Structure formats: structure tokens, C-alpha cells
Amino acid sequence: MEKLEIVNEIREQGFIVLTNFLSSEYVDKINDRLEKYISERHDGVAMEDDGETLRALHGLHLYDGFFLSLCANEKLLSLAESYIGEQCYVHQFKINVKKALKGQAWPWHQDFVFWQKGDGIERPQLLNIGIMLHDVSMLHGPLCFIPGSHKLGDLCEKMVEHTAWESDISSQLSYQVNGSTIETLLYEKDVKFITGSAGDLILFDPLLVHSSSGNLSPKDRPLLLITYNAVSNAPTISPGNSRPEFLCASDNSPLTATCEGF
């Protein structure tokens, strides 16, 4: 599929899935590196409500050159720049782990409000690129999108009044789309569950309404997510008052593409 077709599909539907984008060998390399990373200790670890189950890892590219190189891969970076319309940097990098049988849900929400309110990013000139690291079925709690919802603007409400950044990445998100709005959206629109195979790529707009249920399967459902932002759209909140570096990048220099193959 040509880049223009990909961009147009995201603009129309809010997302696109590119199947078999990464080779199984490269996905294995990512998973191997991830296992090593988990065995180390870094900031940006989020736990489920039980305080014991790993929920997500943030900022891996800040500590590991392998993941930074992945962000700069020209195949990914060129897709981000084509959609965003200018040079990009990585605002966030995370892996939502969705542990077997214990991985909790993510309520209905849009991503942009967290970056706007938490980081002072003014425009939704960003793009999420997700990589499935394992095969994903309905049992795994896949991403669920409401196609076209990105065209409706900011639909979120603040659900936690006195919140620290920890609520931004917990099962009870600081900002969510309320039930009545979801009811209206689901009456008017369809939903799309993003199942697929390891190596599939998911590109989606920061205003797209999405959620995911808990993982009911006996296998983990890790999803790697890179959020690219336009260099001209960098955070305006000063570093001293901002969220941690693994949630709000202070280095907004444009990425230089690398040619490491998938």
C-alpha cells in the first residue's frame, strides 16, 4: 500500500492495520531484548491494581539504544512524518504488557488529552504506531477502536479530580469518555477489534476513541507503542513542572532515520 493511501485511511477512519509489517525474526529480536530489559530496573514501570502484576513499561528508548534505534527506523519514521506532515521526535514509548489472565482493561479514552493537559502539547499533530509482539485474539483483550471518532474533537472528561501522573497510566485513567457519550457513539458507529499476528503494525490518530478489555487468555498480550510528535508541537510546560521524562520527552530534536531492516 502506498504511503498516501495509508495516510488517507488514517485521516478517514482514524487508524489502519498493516499486516506482516515486521518479520518474525525481528519480532523475536524485540521480544528477546524486552525480556532482558524487564530483568533490569528502570523508571517508568507501572503495575496493575494488585501491586504485583506488571501493567506497562515506559520510556524504554531512554535507557536502551536498541529501542531508540527502532523508533528511528526509516520505515516507521517515514510513516509518522507522512501523517504528521513534518519532522518528528518520540514523545512517548511504552509497552502495554497485558499479562496472562491478570492484565486489566483500559477504559474508553482518547490519548491527546493526556498530552495536552499533562504536557502542554497544543495540537493533536501526533501519531501512535503500535507493534503486536504476540498474536492477538479476542481472548487477549485487543484494542477496540470506534472508527471515525477522531473527527469529533475532544470527548474526554476528567474522572480523577486530584490526580498525579500515576493515574494517567492506571486502570482508572485520569481522563475518560463517559458512558453516555460512548452509548451515543456506539449507536451511531461500529467498533473494530484489532486482532492479528505478531509483526502487524497499528497506526492510529491521537483523538481516536479506544479501549481494551482484560486479558482472559493464558498468554501475555504485549503491545509496543511509539508516539511520534511534530517538532513544532513540542510540550510547553517547563521541565521542572512536567511529568516524568518517560511520559513527557524533554528532547524534541528531530529523529534521523536509520536503515536497520525488519
Protein backbone atom coordinates (compact mmCIF):
# COMPACT_ATOMS: atom_id res chain seq x y z
CA MET A 1 0.00 0.00 0.00
CA GLU A 2 1.34 3.44 -0.92
CA LYS A 3 2.09 5.96 1.83
CA LEU A 4 -0.58 8.36 0.59
CA GLU A 5 -3.20 5.62 0.79
CA ILE A 6 -2.12 4.83 4.34
CA VAL A 7 -2.31 8.49 5.38
CA ASN A 8 -5.73 8.93 3.76
CA GLU A 9 -7.08 5.84 5.52
CA ILE A 10 -5.94 7.12 8.91
CA ARG A 11 -7.44 10.54 8.19
CA GLU A 12 -10.75 8.92 7.24
CA GLN A 13 -11.06 6.06 9.75
CA GLY A 14 -8.63 7.19 12.44
CA PHE A 15 -6.46 4.09 12.11
CA ILE A 16 -5.02 1.45 9.81
CA VAL A 17 -3.52 -2.01 10.36
CA LEU A 18 -0.59 -3.10 8.19
CA THR A 19 -0.26 -6.88 8.41
CA ASN A 20 3.06 -8.73 8.45
CA PHE A 21 4.98 -5.46 8.57
CA LEU A 22 7.82 -6.83 10.68
CA SER A 23 9.47 -10.18 10.05
CA SER A 24 9.11 -12.90 12.68
CA GLU A 25 12.88 -12.78 13.16
CA TYR A 26 12.79 -9.08 14.02
CA VAL A 27 9.81 -9.53 16.36
CA ASP A 28 11.77 -12.29 18.11
CA LYS A 29 14.66 -9.86 18.46
CA ILE A 30 12.36 -7.28 20.07
CA ASN A 31 10.90 -9.86 22.45
CA ASP A 32 14.36 -11.13 23.42
CA ARG A 33 15.52 -7.60 24.12
CA LEU A 34 12.34 -6.92 26.09
CA GLU A 35 12.96 -9.92 28.34
CA LYS A 36 16.42 -8.60 29.12
CA TYR A 37 15.03 -5.12 29.75
CA ILE A 38 12.40 -6.43 32.19
CA SER A 39 15.10 -8.22 34.17
CA GLU A 40 16.82 -4.86 34.72
CA ARG A 41 15.39 -1.99 36.77
CA HIS A 42 14.38 1.33 35.19
CA ASP A 43 11.93 4.13 35.89
CA GLY A 44 8.59 4.05 34.12
CA VAL A 45 7.27 0.74 35.42
CA ALA A 46 3.51 0.67 36.05
CA MET A 47 1.77 -2.09 37.98
CA GLU A 48 -1.79 -3.35 37.95
CA ASP A 49 -4.11 -2.61 40.86
CA ASP A 50 -2.84 -5.66 42.77
CA GLY A 51 0.58 -4.00 43.02
CA GLU A 52 2.28 -7.18 41.83
CA THR A 53 1.37 -7.66 38.15
CA LEU A 54 3.31 -5.70 35.55
CA ARG A 55 0.99 -3.39 33.59
CA ALA A 56 3.26 -1.31 31.39
CA LEU A 57 6.82 -0.18 30.76
CA HIS A 58 7.52 3.40 29.71
CA GLY A 59 10.50 5.17 28.20
CA LEU A 60 12.46 2.12 27.07
CA HIS A 61 14.14 4.20 24.34
CA LEU A 62 15.66 6.43 27.03
CA TYR A 63 17.63 3.57 28.54
CA ASP A 64 18.25 1.16 25.68
CA GLY A 65 19.78 2.01 22.31
CA PHE A 66 18.03 -0.93 20.67
CA PHE A 67 14.62 0.61 21.27
CA LEU A 68 15.82 4.09 20.30
CA SER A 69 17.08 2.66 17.01
CA LEU A 70 13.70 1.04 16.45
CA CYS A 71 11.98 4.43 16.81
CA ALA A 72 14.28 5.93 14.18
CA ASN A 73 13.83 3.12 11.67
CA GLU A 74 13.10 4.82 8.36
CA LYS A 75 10.08 2.59 7.64
CA LEU A 76 8.36 3.71 10.84
CA LEU A 77 9.64 7.26 10.87
CA SER A 78 8.62 7.95 7.28
CA LEU A 79 5.06 6.79 8.04
CA ALA A 80 4.91 9.13 11.05
CA GLU A 81 6.34 12.08 9.12
CA SER A 82 3.95 11.49 6.23
CA TYR A 83 0.92 11.63 8.53
CA ILE A 84 2.17 14.42 10.79
CA GLY A 85 3.50 16.50 7.92
CA GLU A 86 6.91 17.41 9.30
CA GLN A 87 9.91 16.08 11.20
CA CYS A 88 9.14 14.18 14.38
CA TYR A 89 10.54 13.20 17.74
CA VAL A 90 9.38 10.46 20.12
CA HIS A 91 7.14 11.91 22.81
CA GLN A 92 6.40 8.56 24.43
CA PHE A 93 7.48 4.95 24.10
CA LYS A 94 5.71 2.23 26.05
CA ILE A 95 4.82 -1.43 26.13
CA ASN A 96 1.40 -2.35 27.47
CA VAL A 97 2.10 -5.83 28.74
CA LYS A 98 -1.45 -7.19 29.36
CA LYS A 99 -0.25 -10.14 31.45
CA ALA A 100 -1.93 -13.51 31.03
CA LEU A 101 -5.21 -13.78 33.00
CA LYS A 102 -4.31 -10.72 35.09
CA GLY A 103 -3.86 -7.87 32.61
CA GLN A 104 -6.56 -5.28 33.35
CA ALA A 105 -8.73 -3.26 31.00
CA TRP A 106 -8.14 0.22 29.61
CA PRO A 107 -11.38 2.26 29.74
CA TRP A 108 -12.73 4.24 26.79
CA HIS A 109 -10.49 7.25 26.22
CA GLN A 110 -8.56 9.40 23.75
CA ASP A 111 -4.81 9.85 24.10
CA PHE A 112 -4.41 13.50 23.15
CA VAL A 113 -5.99 14.96 26.30
CA PHE A 114 -3.20 13.45 28.45
CA TRP A 115 -0.53 15.14 26.35
CA GLN A 116 -2.46 18.40 26.12
CA LYS A 117 -3.32 18.74 29.81
CA GLY A 118 -0.29 16.96 31.23
CA ASP A 119 2.44 18.21 28.90
CA GLY A 120 1.14 21.39 27.27
CA ILE A 121 1.10 19.99 23.73
CA GLU A 122 -1.16 22.33 21.80
CA ARG A 123 -2.22 20.42 18.68
CA PRO A 124 -3.18 16.79 18.05
CA GLN A 125 -0.39 16.60 15.47
CA LEU A 126 0.84 13.21 16.68
CA LEU A 127 0.64 9.61 15.61
CA ASN A 128 0.68 6.35 17.56
CA ILE A 129 2.41 3.41 15.94
CA GLY A 130 1.81 0.07 17.64
CA ILE A 131 3.59 -3.23 17.04
CA MET A 132 1.96 -6.50 18.02
CA LEU A 133 4.65 -8.55 19.75
CA HIS A 134 2.47 -11.67 20.12
CA ASP A 135 -0.53 -12.96 18.18
CA VAL A 136 -3.73 -11.31 19.43
CA SER A 137 -7.19 -12.89 19.57
CA MET A 138 -10.40 -11.72 21.22
CA LEU A 139 -9.40 -13.53 24.42
CA HIS A 140 -6.30 -11.36 24.78
CA GLY A 141 -8.19 -8.09 25.30
CA PRO A 142 -7.34 -6.46 21.96
CA LEU A 143 -7.52 -2.77 21.21
CA CYS A 144 -11.05 -1.71 20.34
CA PHE A 145 -11.46 1.36 18.11
CA ILE A 146 -14.50 3.45 17.19
CA PRO A 147 -13.78 4.30 13.55
CA GLY A 148 -14.16 7.95 12.63
CA SER A 149 -14.38 9.13 16.25
CA HIS A 150 -11.15 11.13 15.85
CA LYS A 151 -13.12 13.67 13.80
CA LEU A 152 -15.31 14.62 16.77
CA GLY A 153 -12.71 16.53 18.79
CA ASP A 154 -12.01 16.16 22.49
CA LEU A 155 -14.67 13.92 24.07
CA CYS A 156 -12.93 13.18 27.38
CA GLU A 157 -13.85 14.27 30.88
CA LYS A 158 -11.62 14.40 33.93
CA MET A 159 -12.51 11.40 36.07
CA VAL A 160 -9.95 11.81 38.87
CA GLU A 161 -10.06 15.27 40.41
CA HIS A 162 -6.82 15.37 42.35
CA THR A 163 -4.58 13.28 40.19
CA ALA A 164 -0.88 12.60 39.96
CA TRP A 165 0.71 11.29 36.79
CA GLU A 166 0.30 7.72 38.08
CA SER A 167 -3.43 7.94 37.32
CA ASP A 168 -2.62 8.68 33.68
CA ILE A 169 -1.34 5.12 33.24
CA SER A 170 -3.51 3.16 35.67
CA SER A 171 -6.66 1.13 35.09
CA GLN A 172 -8.65 4.15 36.31
CA LEU A 173 -7.46 6.74 33.82
CA SER A 174 -7.47 10.43 34.74
CA TYR A 175 -9.47 11.26 31.60
CA GLN A 176 -12.13 9.05 30.05
CA VAL A 177 -15.03 9.25 27.62
CA ASN A 178 -18.17 8.95 29.75
CA GLY A 179 -20.76 6.25 29.36
CA SER A 180 -23.49 8.36 27.78
CA THR A 181 -21.13 9.62 25.09
CA ILE A 182 -19.97 6.07 24.37
CA GLU A 183 -23.58 4.92 24.19
CA THR A 184 -24.31 7.59 21.56
CA LEU A 185 -21.16 6.78 19.60
CA LEU A 186 -21.90 3.06 19.56
CA TYR A 187 -25.45 3.74 18.43
CA GLU A 188 -24.15 5.80 15.51
CA LYS A 189 -20.92 3.94 14.69
CA ASP A 190 -19.42 0.48 14.58
CA VAL A 191 -16.44 -0.82 16.56
CA LYS A 192 -13.33 -2.56 15.33
CA PHE A 193 -11.39 -5.06 17.44
CA ILE A 194 -7.73 -5.14 16.43
CA THR A 195 -6.80 -8.80 16.40
CA GLY A 196 -3.90 -10.11 14.34
CA SER A 197 -0.44 -11.60 14.30
CA ALA A 198 2.91 -10.71 15.80
CA GLY A 199 4.58 -8.21 13.48
CA ASP A 200 1.38 -6.42 12.48
CA LEU A 201 1.54 -2.63 12.66
CA ILE A 202 -1.27 -0.43 14.05
CA LEU A 203 -1.27 3.28 13.25
CA PHE A 204 -3.87 5.48 14.93
CA ASP A 205 -4.73 9.12 15.47
CA PRO A 206 -4.37 10.62 18.99
CA LEU A 207 -8.07 11.62 19.06
CA LEU A 208 -9.40 8.16 18.15
CA VAL A 209 -11.66 6.78 20.90
CA HIS A 210 -10.42 3.38 22.02
CA SER A 211 -10.36 0.89 24.87
CA SER A 212 -9.42 -2.70 25.63
CA SER A 213 -10.78 -5.37 27.93
CA GLY A 214 -8.83 -7.56 30.35
CA ASN A 215 -6.71 -10.45 29.14
CA LEU A 216 -8.68 -13.68 29.57
CA SER A 217 -6.09 -15.87 27.87
CA PRO A 218 -3.20 -17.86 29.38
CA LYS A 219 -0.69 -15.85 27.32
CA ASP A 220 0.55 -12.27 27.60
CA ARG A 221 -0.53 -9.65 25.06
CA PRO A 222 2.39 -7.19 24.83
CA LEU A 223 1.83 -4.20 22.55
CA LEU A 224 4.70 -1.84 21.78
CA LEU A 225 3.57 1.76 21.23
CA ILE A 226 5.61 4.67 19.89
CA THR A 227 4.05 8.12 19.96
CA TYR A 228 5.58 10.49 17.43
CA ASN A 229 5.00 14.24 17.74
CA ALA A 230 5.76 17.10 15.38
CA VAL A 231 8.90 19.01 16.35
CA SER A 232 6.94 22.27 16.12
CA ASN A 233 4.34 20.86 18.55
CA ALA A 234 6.68 20.25 21.48
CA PRO A 235 5.47 20.48 25.11
CA THR A 236 5.09 23.98 26.54
CA ILE A 237 5.13 23.03 30.24
CA SER A 238 8.55 23.72 31.71
CA PRO A 239 10.65 20.64 32.60
CA GLY A 240 10.50 21.44 36.33
CA ASN A 241 6.70 21.25 36.31
CA SER A 242 6.26 18.49 33.77
CA ARG A 243 5.50 14.81 34.08
CA PRO A 244 8.48 12.41 34.23
CA GLU A 245 10.75 12.16 31.20
CA PHE A 246 9.38 8.72 30.35
CA LEU A 247 5.93 10.29 29.86
CA CYS A 248 6.92 13.72 28.52
CA ALA A 249 10.06 13.95 26.41
CA SER A 250 12.29 16.96 27.05
CA ASP A 251 14.43 16.26 23.97
CA ASN A 252 12.39 17.42 20.98
CA SER A 253 15.18 17.13 18.41
CA PRO A 254 14.06 15.61 15.11
CA LEU A 255 14.89 11.95 14.65
CA THR A 256 17.36 11.00 11.94
CA ALA A 257 16.24 7.92 10.03
CA THR A 258 18.21 4.71 10.27
CA CYS A 259 18.04 1.85 7.79
CA GLU A 260 18.15 -1.16 10.08
CA GLY A 261 15.99 -3.76 8.36
CA PHE A 262 12.91 -5.53 9.62
